[in-house]
């Protein structure tokens, strides 16, 4: 069962070894619309045995198949064919995002179109990346450094941006010569089904791309399978710690893109109304469910109250509604448990800070997982609402004594994913950006560019995705020292 706008041939099966096959169990994953609270799709629920079958298929394709030893340009051409198939299905990918997590239909084409464009850009590294290089040597006649695929990859994607995140993981793995098991979030499996169909249509060899949608136990079993050489995971820091521990136990490679509690510093030279527009509207993007979200705003103490009032005015003007309505600015959060989480943090905030606006479910929506954009002021940076990732449209406004204090507060976090400064002074923006302990930083807003490295410091993760740096975790370097030069060198 899938929504009418989405044409998946075998939602009741798994894609393993190039075939659509039945699960070894009889479980079903139900996808609930956060707009209506009704079941909109059902797919097969994979088991631990299914994970083992997928690993065996990927292992065979890596150990015996031609994919790892193909010329990289051939792999890139195959990935581009897959990208063409995905371009054809852009409306379905957009509809899947809206149906599963309530992503705004007005924004969905941008999300999905950008993700496919990124996949195509990654395919280009197959032609340009130096997989084989001759290096200077003081000891031998010929020193060659080659980059070889890391092996079989478990690609685990979250529910907030399922297509963009999964497609990038798969694209980097395929360019490198790895084989992949896609493990989407059980809340958002539909995009991975479309990707599996696109891989088959593009002629990706059997076993190179596999798909098993499953819950937590089967996913943990996948990570622990000794046939997995590398895990690439995007999700919560708690889950990332568990995966990191498992991988460390058998020295498996892992890339972890985890949570954030990113801060925006407001300087004195930046107008209050402009700052309010940026901060009040940014927190509503994807209902605040963005790991790099600017969820803390740090402002000079003497401007705090004025900025709080201005942000509240912006938030009170946000149009909340169903995600398929063209004028909706804030849709629902993705699921009931996420709404419960956000409401629990709002209850905590009421006891430790000043609730300026929001904090309630919208009066005009009696069904669906909706919450008003919420602003807390006079927030203590040591409080839980300032230190823990809420993953909802909740903004903490924190007063600072001066710029030095603002930088200290921004860095006083276990996370280090993103940051920003609101200023018209580019020199100041660069200077402050160099002092913030985060993997990304932007001037005047949440600036993200996935063609460049993306990832975090501290508990925001390990490794980078995006740009050519995103390819590195899928490769192993090998040094070959020769007495003579082989043909071609």
Protein backbone atom coordinates (compact mmCIF):
# COMPACT_ATOMS: atom_id res chain seq x y z
CA UNK A 1 0.00 0.00 0.00
CA UNK A 2 1.32 3.41 -1.00
CA UNK A 3 -0.27 6.84 -1.55
CA UNK A 4 -1.94 7.32 -4.93
CA UNK A 5 0.81 9.65 -6.19
CA UNK A 6 3.56 7.12 -5.51
CA UNK A 7 3.99 4.08 -7.78
CA UNK A 8 6.09 1.49 -5.98
CA UNK A 9 5.86 -1.94 -7.58
CA UNK A 10 6.68 -4.13 -4.57
CA UNK A 11 6.13 -2.35 -1.24
CA UNK A 12 5.46 -5.76 0.32
CA UNK A 13 8.94 -7.07 -0.53
CA UNK A 14 12.62 -6.40 0.11
CA UNK A 15 15.30 -5.72 -2.52
CA UNK A 16 18.17 -8.16 -1.99
CA UNK A 17 20.70 -9.43 -4.51
CA UNK A 18 18.96 -7.74 -7.43
CA UNK A 19 15.54 -9.33 -6.74
CA UNK A 20 12.35 -8.31 -4.94
CA UNK A 21 11.85 -11.04 -2.37
CA UNK A 22 9.58 -11.79 0.58
CA UNK A 23 10.70 -11.08 4.10
CA UNK A 24 11.39 -14.09 6.30
CA UNK A 25 8.87 -12.62 8.73
CA UNK A 26 5.28 -11.53 8.34
CA UNK A 27 5.56 -8.08 9.91
CA UNK A 28 4.41 -4.87 8.25
CA UNK A 29 5.62 -1.31 8.78
CA UNK A 30 2.77 1.20 8.78
CA UNK A 31 3.43 4.82 7.84
CA UNK A 32 1.15 7.33 9.56
CA UNK A 33 0.46 10.78 8.11
CA UNK A 34 1.29 13.52 10.62
CA UNK A 35 -1.40 15.68 8.99
CA UNK A 36 -4.30 13.24 9.38
CA UNK A 37 -2.98 10.61 11.85
CA UNK A 38 -4.12 7.97 9.34
CA UNK A 39 -2.10 5.11 7.83
CA UNK A 40 -1.03 6.15 4.31
CA UNK A 41 1.40 3.35 3.41
CA UNK A 42 2.55 -0.12 4.39
CA UNK A 43 5.81 -1.86 3.53
CA UNK A 44 7.50 -5.11 4.48
CA UNK A 45 9.19 -5.21 7.87
CA UNK A 46 12.59 -6.84 7.57
CA UNK A 47 13.98 -9.27 10.14
CA UNK A 48 17.46 -10.04 11.44
CA UNK A 49 17.59 -12.95 8.98
CA UNK A 50 16.73 -10.54 6.16
CA UNK A 51 19.61 -8.32 7.20
CA UNK A 52 21.95 -11.30 7.05
CA UNK A 53 20.68 -12.13 3.55
CA UNK A 54 21.27 -8.55 2.43
CA UNK A 55 24.79 -8.52 3.87
CA UNK A 56 25.55 -11.83 2.15
CA UNK A 57 24.34 -10.44 -1.19
CA UNK A 58 26.36 -7.24 -0.79
CA UNK A 59 29.37 -9.23 0.37
CA UNK A 60 29.20 -11.47 -2.69
CA UNK A 61 28.84 -8.49 -5.02
CA UNK A 62 31.88 -6.88 -3.42
CA UNK A 63 34.11 -9.94 -3.07
CA UNK A 64 33.25 -11.63 -6.38
CA UNK A 65 31.52 -9.07 -8.55
CA UNK A 66 33.02 -6.60 -10.97
CA UNK A 67 31.81 -3.45 -9.16
CA UNK A 68 34.83 -2.71 -6.90
CA UNK A 69 37.35 -3.28 -9.71
CA UNK A 70 35.45 -1.43 -12.44
CA UNK A 71 36.95 1.68 -13.88
CA UNK A 72 35.58 4.50 -11.71
CA UNK A 73 34.24 6.24 -14.81
CA UNK A 74 32.03 3.21 -15.48
CA UNK A 75 30.67 3.37 -11.94
CA UNK A 76 30.00 7.07 -12.37
CA UNK A 77 28.13 6.46 -15.62
CA UNK A 78 25.97 3.83 -13.91
CA UNK A 79 25.22 6.22 -11.04
CA UNK A 80 24.25 8.95 -13.52
CA UNK A 81 21.80 6.55 -15.18
CA UNK A 82 20.33 5.95 -11.75
CA UNK A 83 20.09 9.72 -11.31
CA UNK A 84 18.18 10.04 -14.58
CA UNK A 85 15.70 7.44 -13.33
CA UNK A 86 15.29 9.39 -10.10
CA UNK A 87 14.73 12.64 -12.01
CA UNK A 88 11.82 10.95 -13.78
CA UNK A 89 10.29 10.18 -10.41
CA UNK A 90 10.76 13.59 -8.82
CA UNK A 91 7.02 14.10 -8.20
CA UNK A 92 6.82 10.76 -6.38
CA UNK A 93 9.82 11.56 -4.22
CA UNK A 94 8.30 14.91 -3.29
CA UNK A 95 4.94 13.31 -2.52
CA UNK A 96 6.61 10.70 -0.33
CA UNK A 97 8.25 13.35 1.86
CA UNK A 98 4.96 15.17 2.36
CA UNK A 99 2.97 11.99 3.02
CA UNK A 100 5.38 10.46 5.53
CA UNK A 101 6.66 13.36 7.64
CA UNK A 102 4.47 16.29 6.67
CA UNK A 103 7.12 18.17 4.75
CA UNK A 104 5.63 21.20 3.02
CA UNK A 105 4.44 20.35 -0.48
CA UNK A 106 5.55 23.82 -1.57
CA UNK A 107 9.12 23.02 -0.50
CA UNK A 108 9.25 19.32 -1.39
CA UNK A 109 10.31 19.79 -5.06
CA UNK A 110 13.25 21.90 -3.91
CA UNK A 111 14.28 19.27 -1.36
CA UNK A 112 14.07 16.34 -3.76
CA UNK A 113 15.39 18.15 -6.82
CA UNK A 114 18.40 19.37 -4.86
CA UNK A 115 19.09 15.87 -3.59
CA UNK A 116 19.10 14.37 -7.09
CA UNK A 117 21.34 17.19 -8.32
CA UNK A 118 23.74 16.40 -5.47
CA UNK A 119 23.75 12.72 -6.46
CA UNK A 120 24.67 13.73 -10.01
CA UNK A 121 27.45 15.97 -8.72
CA UNK A 122 28.85 13.11 -6.62
CA UNK A 123 28.82 10.92 -9.74
CA UNK A 124 31.24 13.45 -11.24
CA UNK A 125 33.92 12.50 -8.72
CA UNK A 126 34.20 9.17 -10.53
CA UNK A 127 35.82 11.09 -13.39
CA UNK A 128 37.84 13.66 -11.45
CA UNK A 129 39.01 12.03 -8.23
CA UNK A 130 42.64 10.76 -8.18
CA UNK A 131 42.01 7.11 -7.36
CA UNK A 132 45.55 6.24 -8.48
CA UNK A 133 48.50 8.61 -8.00
CA UNK A 134 52.25 8.32 -8.42
CA UNK A 135 53.98 10.02 -5.48
CA UNK A 136 57.60 11.09 -4.96
CA UNK A 137 59.73 8.55 -3.11
CA UNK A 138 63.22 8.65 -1.59
CA UNK A 139 63.41 4.86 -1.27
CA UNK A 140 62.06 3.19 -4.41
CA UNK A 141 61.79 3.83 -8.11
CA UNK A 142 58.01 4.04 -8.12
CA UNK A 143 55.61 4.86 -5.27
CA UNK A 144 51.90 4.59 -6.08
CA UNK A 145 49.07 5.53 -3.74
CA UNK A 146 45.73 4.00 -4.66
CA UNK A 147 42.29 4.58 -3.14
CA UNK A 148 40.27 1.40 -2.85
CA UNK A 149 36.67 0.89 -1.69
CA UNK A 150 36.10 0.41 2.03
CA UNK A 151 33.86 -2.60 1.39
CA UNK A 152 30.27 -3.40 2.30
CA UNK A 153 28.41 -0.37 3.65
CA UNK A 154 25.38 -0.19 5.92
CA UNK A 155 23.68 3.11 5.06
CA UNK A 156 21.27 4.19 7.80
CA UNK A 157 19.23 7.33 7.14
CA UNK A 158 16.90 9.36 9.38
CA UNK A 159 13.30 10.40 8.84
CA UNK A 160 13.61 14.17 8.51
CA UNK A 161 15.32 14.32 5.09
CA UNK A 162 15.26 10.68 4.04
CA UNK A 163 15.86 10.99 0.31
CA UNK A 164 18.63 13.57 0.35
CA UNK A 165 20.58 11.86 3.10
CA UNK A 166 20.20 8.31 1.79
CA UNK A 167 20.91 9.26 -1.83
CA UNK A 168 24.16 10.99 -0.86
CA UNK A 169 25.31 8.00 1.18
CA UNK A 170 24.55 5.61 -1.67
CA UNK A 171 26.14 7.87 -4.28
CA UNK A 172 29.44 8.22 -2.41
CA UNK A 173 29.54 4.49 -1.70
CA UNK A 174 28.92 3.56 -5.34
CA UNK A 175 31.50 5.99 -6.72
CA UNK A 176 34.06 4.55 -4.30
CA UNK A 177 33.26 0.99 -5.43
CA UNK A 178 31.47 -0.14 -2.28
CA UNK A 179 28.30 -2.19 -2.12
CA UNK A 180 25.40 -0.99 0.03
CA UNK A 181 22.53 -2.09 2.24
CA UNK A 182 20.01 0.75 2.55
CA UNK A 183 18.31 0.82 5.95
CA UNK A 184 15.84 3.72 5.93
CA UNK A 185 14.01 4.92 9.00
CA UNK A 186 10.84 2.84 9.49
CA UNK A 187 8.88 6.11 9.36
CA UNK A 188 10.20 6.98 5.88
CA UNK A 189 10.98 3.94 3.72
CA UNK A 190 9.26 5.01 0.48
CA UNK A 191 12.15 7.01 -1.00
CA UNK A 192 14.52 4.06 -0.53
CA UNK A 193 12.08 1.83 -2.44
CA UNK A 194 12.11 4.32 -5.31
CA UNK A 195 15.92 4.38 -5.17
CA UNK A 196 16.09 0.59 -5.34
CA UNK A 197 13.83 0.58 -8.37
CA UNK A 198 15.98 3.30 -9.98
CA UNK A 199 19.14 1.27 -9.33
CA UNK A 200 17.60 -1.77 -11.02
CA UNK A 201 16.41 0.29 -13.99
CA UNK A 202 19.89 1.82 -14.34
CA UNK A 203 21.58 -1.57 -14.55
CA UNK A 204 23.41 -1.44 -11.23
CA UNK A 205 24.73 -5.01 -10.83
CA UNK A 206 22.86 -7.41 -8.55
CA UNK A 207 23.82 -7.11 -4.90
CA UNK A 208 25.48 -3.71 -5.23
CA UNK A 209 22.40 -1.91 -3.87
CA UNK A 210 20.09 -3.67 -1.40
CA UNK A 211 17.13 -2.48 0.66
CA UNK A 212 15.74 -3.74 3.95
CA UNK A 213 13.28 -1.54 5.83
CA UNK A 214 13.19 -2.58 9.47
CA UNK A 215 12.88 -1.52 13.08
CA UNK A 216 15.46 -1.09 15.81
CA UNK A 217 16.34 -4.72 16.59
CA UNK A 218 17.01 -5.70 12.99
CA UNK A 219 18.95 -2.48 12.46
CA UNK A 220 21.17 -3.21 15.45
CA UNK A 221 21.73 -6.69 14.07
CA UNK A 222 22.85 -5.16 10.75
CA UNK A 223 25.42 -2.95 12.46
CA UNK A 224 26.77 -5.92 14.41
CA UNK A 225 27.07 -8.18 11.34
CA UNK A 226 30.80 -8.90 10.78
CA UNK A 227 30.23 -8.72 7.01
CA UNK A 228 29.71 -4.94 7.29
CA UNK A 229 32.95 -3.05 6.73
CA UNK A 230 31.57 0.44 7.23
CA UNK A 231 28.49 2.04 8.76
CA UNK A 232 27.32 5.48 7.68
CA UNK A 233 24.67 6.78 10.06
CA UNK A 234 22.72 10.00 10.33
CA UNK A 235 20.47 10.41 13.34
CA UNK A 236 20.41 11.01 17.06
CA UNK A 237 23.55 11.26 19.16
CA UNK A 238 22.23 8.51 21.46
CA UNK A 239 21.88 6.05 18.57
CA UNK A 240 25.19 7.22 17.11
CA UNK A 241 27.00 6.42 20.36
CA UNK A 242 25.62 2.89 20.27
CA UNK A 243 26.71 2.42 16.66
CA UNK A 244 30.14 3.86 17.41
CA UNK A 245 30.60 1.41 20.30
CA UNK A 246 29.62 -1.56 18.15
CA UNK A 247 31.91 -0.51 15.30
CA UNK A 248 34.81 0.13 17.68
CA UNK A 249 34.40 -3.39 19.09
CA UNK A 250 35.36 -4.92 15.74
CA UNK A 251 37.30 -1.94 14.31
CA UNK A 252 34.72 -1.33 11.60
CA UNK A 253 34.72 2.06 9.92
CA UNK A 254 31.90 4.47 10.70
CA UNK A 255 30.74 7.93 9.80
CA UNK A 256 28.34 9.53 12.26
CA UNK A 257 26.35 12.67 11.52
CA UNK A 258 24.49 13.37 14.73
CA UNK A 259 22.64 16.08 16.64
CA UNK A 260 23.14 19.76 17.18
CA UNK A 261 22.20 22.73 19.33
CA UNK A 262 23.55 25.42 17.09
CA UNK A 263 23.77 29.05 18.12
CA UNK A 264 23.24 32.31 16.24
CA UNK A 265 25.06 35.29 17.73
CA UNK A 266 23.35 38.63 17.14
CA UNK A 267 25.81 41.54 17.00
CA UNK A 268 24.98 45.16 17.82
CA UNK A 269 25.36 46.28 14.20
CA UNK A 270 22.50 44.05 12.99
CA UNK A 271 18.96 45.53 12.95
CA UNK A 272 16.43 44.02 15.35
CA UNK A 273 13.69 43.55 12.76
CA UNK A 274 16.04 41.81 10.33
CA UNK A 275 17.34 39.54 13.10
CA UNK A 276 13.79 38.68 14.17
CA UNK A 277 12.81 37.81 10.59
CA UNK A 278 15.77 35.45 10.22
CA UNK A 279 15.44 33.75 13.60
CA UNK A 280 11.65 33.57 13.73
CA UNK A 281 11.32 32.09 10.26
CA UNK A 282 14.36 29.79 10.35
CA UNK A 283 13.06 27.82 13.34
CA UNK A 284 9.96 26.84 11.33
CA UNK A 285 11.94 25.27 8.46
CA UNK A 286 10.97 21.58 8.35
CA UNK A 287 9.09 22.25 11.61
CA UNK A 288 12.43 22.78 13.32
CA UNK A 289 13.45 19.19 12.58
CA UNK A 290 16.90 19.99 11.20
CA UNK A 291 20.08 18.82 12.91
CA UNK A 292 21.86 22.06 11.95
CA UNK A 293 18.96 24.25 13.12
CA UNK A 294 19.80 27.56 14.80
CA UNK A 295 17.86 26.73 17.94
CA UNK A 296 19.78 29.05 20.28
CA UNK A 297 19.97 32.81 19.70
CA UNK A 298 22.51 34.76 21.73
CA UNK A 299 21.94 38.51 21.98
CA UNK A 300 23.53 41.38 23.92
CA UNK A 301 21.64 41.83 27.18
CA UNK A 302 20.61 45.40 26.39
CA UNK A 303 18.86 44.24 23.16
CA UNK A 304 17.30 41.08 24.57
CA UNK A 305 13.78 42.30 25.36
CA UNK A 306 13.42 44.22 22.11
CA UNK A 307 14.51 41.20 20.07
CA UNK A 308 12.21 38.87 22.04
CA UNK A 309 9.21 41.06 21.23
CA UNK A 310 10.17 41.25 17.53
CA UNK A 311 10.66 37.48 17.20
CA UNK A 312 7.32 36.87 18.91
CA UNK A 313 5.62 39.13 16.37
CA UNK A 314 7.16 37.12 13.52
CA UNK A 315 6.16 33.80 15.05
CA UNK A 316 2.60 34.95 15.67
CA UNK A 317 2.29 35.69 11.96
CA UNK A 318 3.35 32.21 10.83
CA UNK A 319 0.62 30.31 9.00
CA UNK A 320 0.22 26.83 10.52
CA UNK A 321 -1.62 24.21 8.51
CA UNK A 322 -1.65 20.99 6.55
CA UNK A 323 1.53 20.46 4.61
CA UNK A 324 -0.18 20.18 1.22
CA UNK A 325 -1.75 23.67 1.50
CA UNK A 326 0.21 26.12 -0.69
CA UNK A 327 0.18 28.94 1.88
CA UNK A 328 1.27 26.83 4.87
CA UNK A 329 4.52 28.01 6.45
CA UNK A 330 4.63 25.55 9.36
CA UNK A 331 3.34 22.01 9.00
CA UNK A 332 3.19 19.25 11.61
CA UNK A 333 6.10 17.58 13.32
CA UNK A 334 6.75 14.16 11.89
CA UNK A 335 5.08 11.80 14.35
CA UNK A 336 3.26 11.47 17.66
CA UNK A 337 6.34 10.60 19.67
CA UNK A 338 8.08 13.67 18.29
CA UNK A 339 5.16 15.89 19.27
CA UNK A 340 5.26 14.39 22.75
CA UNK A 341 8.99 15.11 22.94
CA UNK A 342 8.56 18.74 21.91
CA UNK A 343 5.71 19.25 24.37
CA UNK A 344 7.79 17.73 27.18
CA UNK A 345 10.59 20.22 26.48
CA UNK A 346 8.11 23.09 26.37
CA UNK A 347 6.84 22.02 29.79
CA UNK A 348 10.44 22.05 31.04
CA UNK A 349 11.00 25.49 29.53
CA UNK A 350 7.99 26.92 31.34
CA UNK A 351 9.73 26.13 34.65
CA UNK A 352 13.13 27.60 33.79
CA UNK A 353 12.64 30.47 31.32
CA UNK A 354 10.08 33.02 30.10
CA UNK A 355 7.60 31.69 27.56
CA UNK A 356 7.09 34.64 25.21
CA UNK A 357 4.84 33.05 22.59
CA UNK A 358 3.64 29.66 21.41
CA UNK A 359 3.86 26.48 23.40
CA UNK A 360 0.44 25.13 22.50
CA UNK A 361 -1.26 23.12 19.80
CA UNK A 362 -3.05 25.38 17.29
CA UNK A 363 -6.70 25.85 18.22
CA UNK A 364 -7.90 25.48 14.60
CA UNK A 365 -6.33 22.03 14.09
CA UNK A 366 -7.87 19.22 16.14
CA UNK A 367 -6.13 16.39 14.32
CA UNK A 368 -2.49 15.96 13.35
CA UNK A 369 0.82 16.56 15.11
CA UNK A 370 0.87 20.36 15.12
CA UNK A 371 2.58 22.72 17.56
CA UNK A 372 2.91 26.51 17.53
CA UNK A 373 6.32 28.09 16.95
CA UNK A 374 7.61 28.72 20.44
CA UNK A 375 9.99 31.30 21.90
CA UNK A 376 11.61 31.14 25.32
CA UNK A 377 13.45 34.25 26.55
CA UNK A 378 15.93 34.82 29.37
CA UNK A 379 17.10 31.26 28.90
CA UNK A 380 19.97 30.02 31.05
CA UNK A 381 22.42 28.30 28.72
CA UNK A 382 22.94 25.60 31.36
CA UNK A 383 19.25 24.62 31.25
CA UNK A 384 18.07 21.50 29.46
CA UNK A 385 16.15 23.42 26.79
CA UNK A 386 19.41 25.17 25.87
CA UNK A 387 21.64 22.11 26.07
CA UNK A 388 19.51 19.32 24.58
CA UNK A 389 18.29 18.91 21.02
CA UNK A 390 14.51 19.44 20.94
CA UNK A 391 14.04 18.91 17.19
CA UNK A 392 10.99 21.09 16.89
CA UNK A 393 10.04 24.74 16.32
CA UNK A 394 11.35 25.93 19.69
CA UNK A 395 13.84 28.82 19.92
CA UNK A 396 15.86 29.76 23.02
CA UNK A 397 16.88 33.42 23.40
CA UNK A 398 19.94 33.78 25.64
CA UNK A 399 21.30 37.14 26.90
CA UNK A 400 25.05 37.79 26.82
CA UNK A 401 27.20 40.46 28.46
CA UNK A 402 29.26 41.17 25.35
CA UNK A 403 30.68 39.52 22.23
CA UNK A 404 33.27 37.56 24.16
CA UNK A 405 30.55 36.20 26.43
CA UNK A 406 28.40 35.35 23.41
CA UNK A 407 31.21 33.27 21.89
CA UNK A 408 31.72 31.51 25.21
CA UNK A 409 28.00 30.68 25.46
CA UNK A 410 27.88 29.44 21.85
CA UNK A 411 30.75 27.04 22.55
CA UNK A 412 29.31 25.91 25.89
CA UNK A 413 27.58 22.89 24.38
CA UNK A 414 28.27 19.20 23.95
CA UNK A 415 27.37 19.68 20.28
CA UNK A 416 29.27 21.42 17.50
CA UNK A 417 27.43 21.08 14.21
CA UNK A 418 26.58 24.55 12.96
CA UNK A 419 26.54 28.21 13.90
CA UNK A 420 25.90 31.70 12.65
CA UNK A 421 26.48 35.34 13.39
CA UNK A 422 24.06 38.08 12.42
CA UNK A 423 26.20 41.01 11.36
CA UNK A 424 26.87 43.26 8.39
CA UNK A 425 30.62 43.05 9.01
CA UNK A 426 32.18 40.21 7.00
CA UNK A 427 35.49 40.58 8.83
CA UNK A 428 33.75 40.13 12.16
CA UNK A 429 31.76 37.19 10.80
CA UNK A 430 34.93 35.40 9.71
CA UNK A 431 36.73 36.17 12.96
CA UNK A 432 33.85 34.86 15.07
CA UNK A 433 33.34 31.86 12.78
CA UNK A 434 36.93 30.77 13.35
CA UNK A 435 36.35 30.78 17.11
CA UNK A 436 33.14 28.73 17.12
CA UNK A 437 33.74 25.01 17.65
CA UNK A 438 31.44 23.73 14.95
CA UNK A 439 31.72 21.99 11.60
CA UNK A 440 29.82 24.73 9.77
CA UNK A 441 29.25 28.44 10.21
CA UNK A 442 27.37 31.06 8.23
CA UNK A 443 26.82 34.79 8.19
CA UNK A 444 23.23 35.96 8.66
CA UNK A 445 21.31 32.72 8.85
CA UNK A 446 21.38 28.94 8.65
CA UNK A 447 23.67 28.48 5.65
CA UNK A 448 24.06 24.94 4.34
CA UNK A 449 25.68 23.85 1.09
CA UNK A 450 25.88 20.11 0.58
CA UNK A 451 28.43 20.34 -2.22
CA UNK A 452 30.86 21.31 0.56
CA UNK A 453 31.94 19.36 3.67
CA UNK A 454 29.21 18.90 6.29
CA UNK A 455 29.60 17.40 9.74
CA UNK A 456 30.26 18.23 13.34
CA UNK A 457 32.70 18.69 16.18
CA UNK A 458 32.26 17.10 19.60
CA UNK A 459 29.10 14.99 19.99
CA UNK A 460 27.73 16.16 16.65
CA UNK A 461 29.54 13.36 14.92
CA UNK A 462 32.59 11.82 13.30
CA UNK A 463 33.62 12.40 9.70
CA UNK A 464 32.22 14.56 6.92
CA UNK A 465 29.60 14.28 4.22
CA UNK A 466 29.40 16.61 1.25
CA UNK A 467 32.03 17.76 -1.22
CA UNK A 468 35.00 15.64 -2.17
CA UNK A 469 35.57 15.13 1.57
CA UNK A 470 32.38 13.08 1.62
CA UNK A 471 34.06 10.46 -0.57
CA UNK A 472 37.03 9.90 1.72
CA UNK A 473 35.24 7.78 4.39
CA UNK A 474 34.28 5.23 1.73
CA UNK A 475 37.88 4.70 0.61
CA UNK A 476 40.97 3.00 2.02
CA UNK A 477 44.42 4.25 1.04
CA UNK A 478 46.98 1.72 -0.11
CA UNK A 479 50.67 2.45 -0.74
CA UNK A 480 52.46 0.31 -3.36
CA UNK A 481 56.27 0.53 -3.53
CA UNK A 482 57.91 -0.84 -6.68
CA UNK A 483 61.47 -1.26 -7.94
CA UNK A 484 60.32 -0.35 -11.43
CA UNK A 485 57.54 1.50 -13.15
CA UNK A 486 54.55 -0.53 -14.38
CA UNK A 487 52.91 0.22 -17.72
CA UNK A 488 51.22 3.59 -17.70
CA UNK A 489 53.55 5.09 -15.13
